[in-house]
């Protein structure tokens, strides 16, 4: 599987989760999810739990940085970096 295809698969699965917080998926492109107020602290915890279950990764305390979860692109990059 190529990296581009893998990134698109991750993006699609993350988008599916995030759709419970927005009406239009196009709104998520480039949007700041946490600092922009889209995700509350509880929604962010749910997102992290979802990423761990969906992608079989472990989010360590050191990973809990805003830049890892504030945009769709940063989430995709984070998951890519955590996967074997």
N, C-alpha and C. Protein backbone atom coordinates (compact mmCIF):
# COMPACT_ATOMS: atom_id res chain seq x y z
N UNK A 1 0.85 -1.18 0.00
CA UNK A 1 0.00 0.00 0.00
C UNK A 1 0.90 1.24 0.00
N UNK A 2 0.62 2.18 -0.88
CA UNK A 2 1.45 3.38 -0.96
C UNK A 2 1.10 4.34 0.17
N UNK A 3 2.05 5.22 0.45
CA UNK A 3 1.85 6.19 1.55
C UNK A 3 0.67 7.10 1.25
N UNK A 4 0.50 7.51 0.00
CA UNK A 4 -0.61 8.41 -0.36
C UNK A 4 -1.94 7.69 -0.15
N UNK A 5 -2.03 6.45 -0.59
CA UNK A 5 -3.26 5.68 -0.40
C UNK A 5 -3.53 5.48 1.09
N UNK A 6 -2.49 5.17 1.83
CA UNK A 6 -2.64 4.95 3.27
C UNK A 6 -3.12 6.23 3.97
N UNK A 7 -2.52 7.37 3.59
CA UNK A 7 -2.95 8.65 4.17
C UNK A 7 -4.41 8.94 3.86
N UNK A 8 -4.83 8.64 2.64
CA UNK A 8 -6.23 8.87 2.27
C UNK A 8 -7.17 7.96 3.04
N UNK A 9 -6.76 6.74 3.29
CA UNK A 9 -7.57 5.81 4.08
C UNK A 9 -7.70 6.31 5.52
N UNK A 10 -6.59 6.78 6.09
CA UNK A 10 -6.62 7.33 7.45
C UNK A 10 -7.51 8.56 7.47
N UNK A 11 -7.32 9.46 6.51
CA UNK A 11 -8.12 10.70 6.43
C UNK A 11 -9.61 10.37 6.38
N UNK A 12 -9.96 9.41 5.57
CA UNK A 12 -11.37 9.03 5.41
C UNK A 12 -11.96 8.52 6.73
N UNK A 13 -11.21 7.70 7.44
CA UNK A 13 -11.70 7.14 8.69
C UNK A 13 -11.77 8.19 9.80
N UNK A 14 -10.83 9.13 9.81
CA UNK A 14 -10.88 10.22 10.79
C UNK A 14 -12.04 11.15 10.46
N UNK A 15 -12.23 11.46 9.18
CA UNK A 15 -13.36 12.30 8.77
C UNK A 15 -14.68 11.69 9.22
N UNK A 16 -14.81 10.40 9.05
CA UNK A 16 -16.03 9.71 9.45
C UNK A 16 -16.33 9.95 10.93
N UNK A 17 -15.30 9.90 11.77
CA UNK A 17 -15.47 10.17 13.19
C UNK A 17 -15.84 11.63 13.43
N UNK A 18 -15.15 12.55 12.76
CA UNK A 18 -15.35 13.98 13.00
C UNK A 18 -16.69 14.50 12.49
N UNK A 19 -17.34 13.77 11.61
CA UNK A 19 -18.62 14.22 11.06
C UNK A 19 -19.70 14.36 12.12
N UNK A 20 -19.51 13.77 13.27
CA UNK A 20 -20.51 13.94 14.33
C UNK A 20 -20.44 15.34 14.94
N UNK A 21 -19.37 16.09 14.60
CA UNK A 21 -19.19 17.44 15.17
C UNK A 21 -19.41 18.57 14.17
N UNK A 22 -19.48 18.25 12.88
CA UNK A 22 -19.74 19.27 11.85
C UNK A 22 -20.75 18.72 10.85
N UNK A 23 -21.41 19.63 10.15
CA UNK A 23 -22.40 19.21 9.16
C UNK A 23 -21.78 18.94 7.78
N UNK A 24 -20.76 19.69 7.44
CA UNK A 24 -20.16 19.61 6.11
C UNK A 24 -18.70 19.19 6.24
N UNK A 25 -18.32 18.03 5.68
CA UNK A 25 -16.94 17.58 5.81
C UNK A 25 -15.93 18.55 5.19
N UNK A 26 -16.35 19.34 4.22
CA UNK A 26 -15.45 20.31 3.60
C UNK A 26 -14.99 21.36 4.62
N UNK A 27 -15.81 21.60 5.64
CA UNK A 27 -15.46 22.56 6.69
C UNK A 27 -14.21 22.12 7.46
N UNK A 28 -13.94 20.84 7.48
CA UNK A 28 -12.83 20.31 8.27
C UNK A 28 -11.46 20.55 7.65
N UNK A 29 -11.43 20.78 6.34
CA UNK A 29 -10.15 20.99 5.66
C UNK A 29 -9.54 22.31 6.13
N UNK A 30 -8.42 22.22 6.80
CA UNK A 30 -7.71 23.39 7.27
C UNK A 30 -8.27 24.02 8.54
N UNK A 31 -9.36 23.48 9.05
CA UNK A 31 -9.98 24.03 10.25
C UNK A 31 -9.20 23.62 11.49
N UNK A 32 -9.08 24.54 12.42
CA UNK A 32 -8.47 24.22 13.70
C UNK A 32 -9.57 23.61 14.58
N UNK A 33 -9.41 22.36 14.89
CA UNK A 33 -10.47 21.61 15.56
C UNK A 33 -10.57 21.93 17.05
N UNK A 34 -9.44 22.04 17.71
CA UNK A 34 -9.44 22.27 19.16
C UNK A 34 -9.42 23.77 19.44
N UNK A 35 -8.43 24.45 18.89
CA UNK A 35 -8.34 25.89 19.16
C UNK A 35 -9.47 26.66 18.49
N UNK A 36 -10.09 26.07 17.46
CA UNK A 36 -11.23 26.70 16.80
C UNK A 36 -12.56 26.40 17.47
N UNK A 37 -12.53 25.58 18.52
CA UNK A 37 -13.74 25.31 19.28
C UNK A 37 -14.65 24.22 18.71
N UNK A 38 -14.20 23.51 17.69
CA UNK A 38 -15.01 22.43 17.12
C UNK A 38 -15.06 21.25 18.07
N UNK A 39 -13.90 20.91 18.64
CA UNK A 39 -13.83 19.78 19.58
C UNK A 39 -13.65 20.31 21.00
N UNK A 40 -14.52 19.87 21.87
CA UNK A 40 -14.37 20.18 23.30
C UNK A 40 -13.29 19.26 23.87
N UNK A 41 -12.97 19.44 25.12
CA UNK A 41 -11.96 18.57 25.74
C UNK A 41 -12.45 17.12 25.77
N UNK A 42 -13.73 16.92 26.02
CA UNK A 42 -14.27 15.55 26.03
C UNK A 42 -14.28 14.95 24.63
N UNK A 43 -14.58 15.75 23.63
CA UNK A 43 -14.56 15.27 22.25
C UNK A 43 -13.13 14.93 21.83
N UNK A 44 -12.17 15.68 22.32
CA UNK A 44 -10.77 15.41 22.01
C UNK A 44 -10.34 14.08 22.63
N UNK A 45 -10.76 13.82 23.85
CA UNK A 45 -10.47 12.53 24.48
C UNK A 45 -11.12 11.40 23.69
N UNK A 46 -12.35 11.61 23.24
CA UNK A 46 -13.03 10.60 22.41
C UNK A 46 -12.28 10.37 21.11
N UNK A 47 -11.77 11.44 20.49
CA UNK A 47 -11.01 11.31 19.26
C UNK A 47 -9.75 10.48 19.50
N UNK A 48 -9.03 10.76 20.56
CA UNK A 48 -7.80 10.03 20.87
C UNK A 48 -8.11 8.55 21.12
N UNK A 49 -9.17 8.28 21.85
CA UNK A 49 -9.58 6.89 22.09
C UNK A 49 -9.93 6.20 20.77
N UNK A 50 -10.64 6.92 19.92
CA UNK A 50 -11.01 6.38 18.60
C UNK A 50 -9.76 6.06 17.78
N UNK A 51 -8.79 6.96 17.77
CA UNK A 51 -7.57 6.73 17.01
C UNK A 51 -6.84 5.49 17.52
N UNK A 52 -6.79 5.33 18.82
CA UNK A 52 -6.11 4.15 19.38
C UNK A 52 -6.80 2.86 18.96
N UNK A 53 -8.10 2.85 19.02
CA UNK A 53 -8.86 1.63 18.67
C UNK A 53 -8.87 1.40 17.16
N UNK A 54 -9.13 2.43 16.41
CA UNK A 54 -9.29 2.31 14.96
C UNK A 54 -7.99 1.94 14.25
N UNK A 55 -6.87 2.49 14.73
CA UNK A 55 -5.61 2.30 14.02
C UNK A 55 -4.60 1.46 14.79
N UNK A 56 -4.99 0.97 15.96
CA UNK A 56 -4.10 0.10 16.72
C UNK A 56 -2.83 0.80 17.17
N UNK A 57 -2.96 2.06 17.53
CA UNK A 57 -1.80 2.82 17.99
C UNK A 57 -1.96 3.13 19.47
N UNK A 58 -0.88 3.55 20.09
CA UNK A 58 -0.93 3.97 21.48
C UNK A 58 -0.53 5.44 21.55
N UNK A 59 -1.38 6.25 22.12
CA UNK A 59 -1.09 7.67 22.30
C UNK A 59 -0.51 7.83 23.70
N UNK A 60 0.77 8.17 23.73
CA UNK A 60 1.48 8.34 25.00
C UNK A 60 1.26 9.75 25.54
N UNK A 61 1.56 9.93 26.82
CA UNK A 61 1.44 11.25 27.44
C UNK A 61 2.25 12.30 26.67
N UNK A 62 3.42 11.91 26.19
CA UNK A 62 4.27 12.84 25.44
C UNK A 62 3.66 13.25 24.10
N UNK A 63 2.71 12.47 23.60
CA UNK A 63 2.04 12.76 22.32
C UNK A 63 0.92 13.79 22.48
N UNK A 64 0.52 14.06 23.70
CA UNK A 64 -0.64 14.93 23.95
C UNK A 64 -0.27 16.40 23.78
N UNK A 65 0.06 16.74 22.54
CA UNK A 65 0.41 18.10 22.15
C UNK A 65 -0.64 18.60 21.18
N UNK A 66 -1.01 19.84 21.33
CA UNK A 66 -2.03 20.45 20.49
C UNK A 66 -1.74 20.26 19.01
N UNK A 67 -0.49 20.41 18.61
CA UNK A 67 -0.16 20.32 17.19
C UNK A 67 -0.40 18.93 16.59
N UNK A 68 -0.55 17.91 17.41
CA UNK A 68 -0.84 16.57 16.90
C UNK A 68 -2.31 16.36 16.58
N UNK A 69 -3.20 17.19 17.12
CA UNK A 69 -4.63 16.92 17.02
C UNK A 69 -5.49 18.11 16.59
N UNK A 70 -4.89 19.24 16.27
CA UNK A 70 -5.67 20.45 16.03
C UNK A 70 -6.22 20.58 14.62
N UNK A 71 -5.66 19.85 13.66
CA UNK A 71 -6.19 19.88 12.29
C UNK A 71 -6.29 18.46 11.76
N UNK A 72 -7.07 18.30 10.73
CA UNK A 72 -7.20 16.99 10.09
C UNK A 72 -5.85 16.51 9.58
N UNK A 73 -5.10 17.41 8.94
CA UNK A 73 -3.78 17.03 8.42
C UNK A 73 -2.84 16.60 9.54
N UNK A 74 -2.88 17.31 10.67
CA UNK A 74 -1.98 16.95 11.77
C UNK A 74 -2.36 15.60 12.36
N UNK A 75 -3.65 15.30 12.41
CA UNK A 75 -4.09 13.99 12.91
C UNK A 75 -3.62 12.88 11.98
N UNK A 76 -3.78 13.07 10.68
CA UNK A 76 -3.33 12.08 9.70
C UNK A 76 -1.82 11.87 9.83
N UNK A 77 -1.07 12.95 9.94
CA UNK A 77 0.38 12.84 10.09
C UNK A 77 0.77 12.14 11.38
N UNK A 78 0.04 12.44 12.44
CA UNK A 78 0.31 11.79 13.72
C UNK A 78 0.08 10.29 13.62
N UNK A 79 -1.04 9.87 13.06
CA UNK A 79 -1.34 8.45 12.93
C UNK A 79 -0.28 7.78 12.04
N UNK A 80 0.09 8.43 10.94
CA UNK A 80 1.11 7.89 10.06
C UNK A 80 2.42 7.64 10.83
N UNK A 81 2.80 8.58 11.66
CA UNK A 81 4.03 8.46 12.43
C UNK A 81 3.99 7.39 13.50
N UNK A 82 2.80 7.05 13.98
CA UNK A 82 2.66 6.05 15.04
C UNK A 82 2.51 4.63 14.49
N UNK A 83 2.13 4.50 13.23
CA UNK A 83 1.91 3.17 12.68
C UNK A 83 3.22 2.54 12.28
N UNK A 84 3.30 1.22 12.40
CA UNK A 84 4.55 0.51 12.03
C UNK A 84 4.83 0.57 10.54
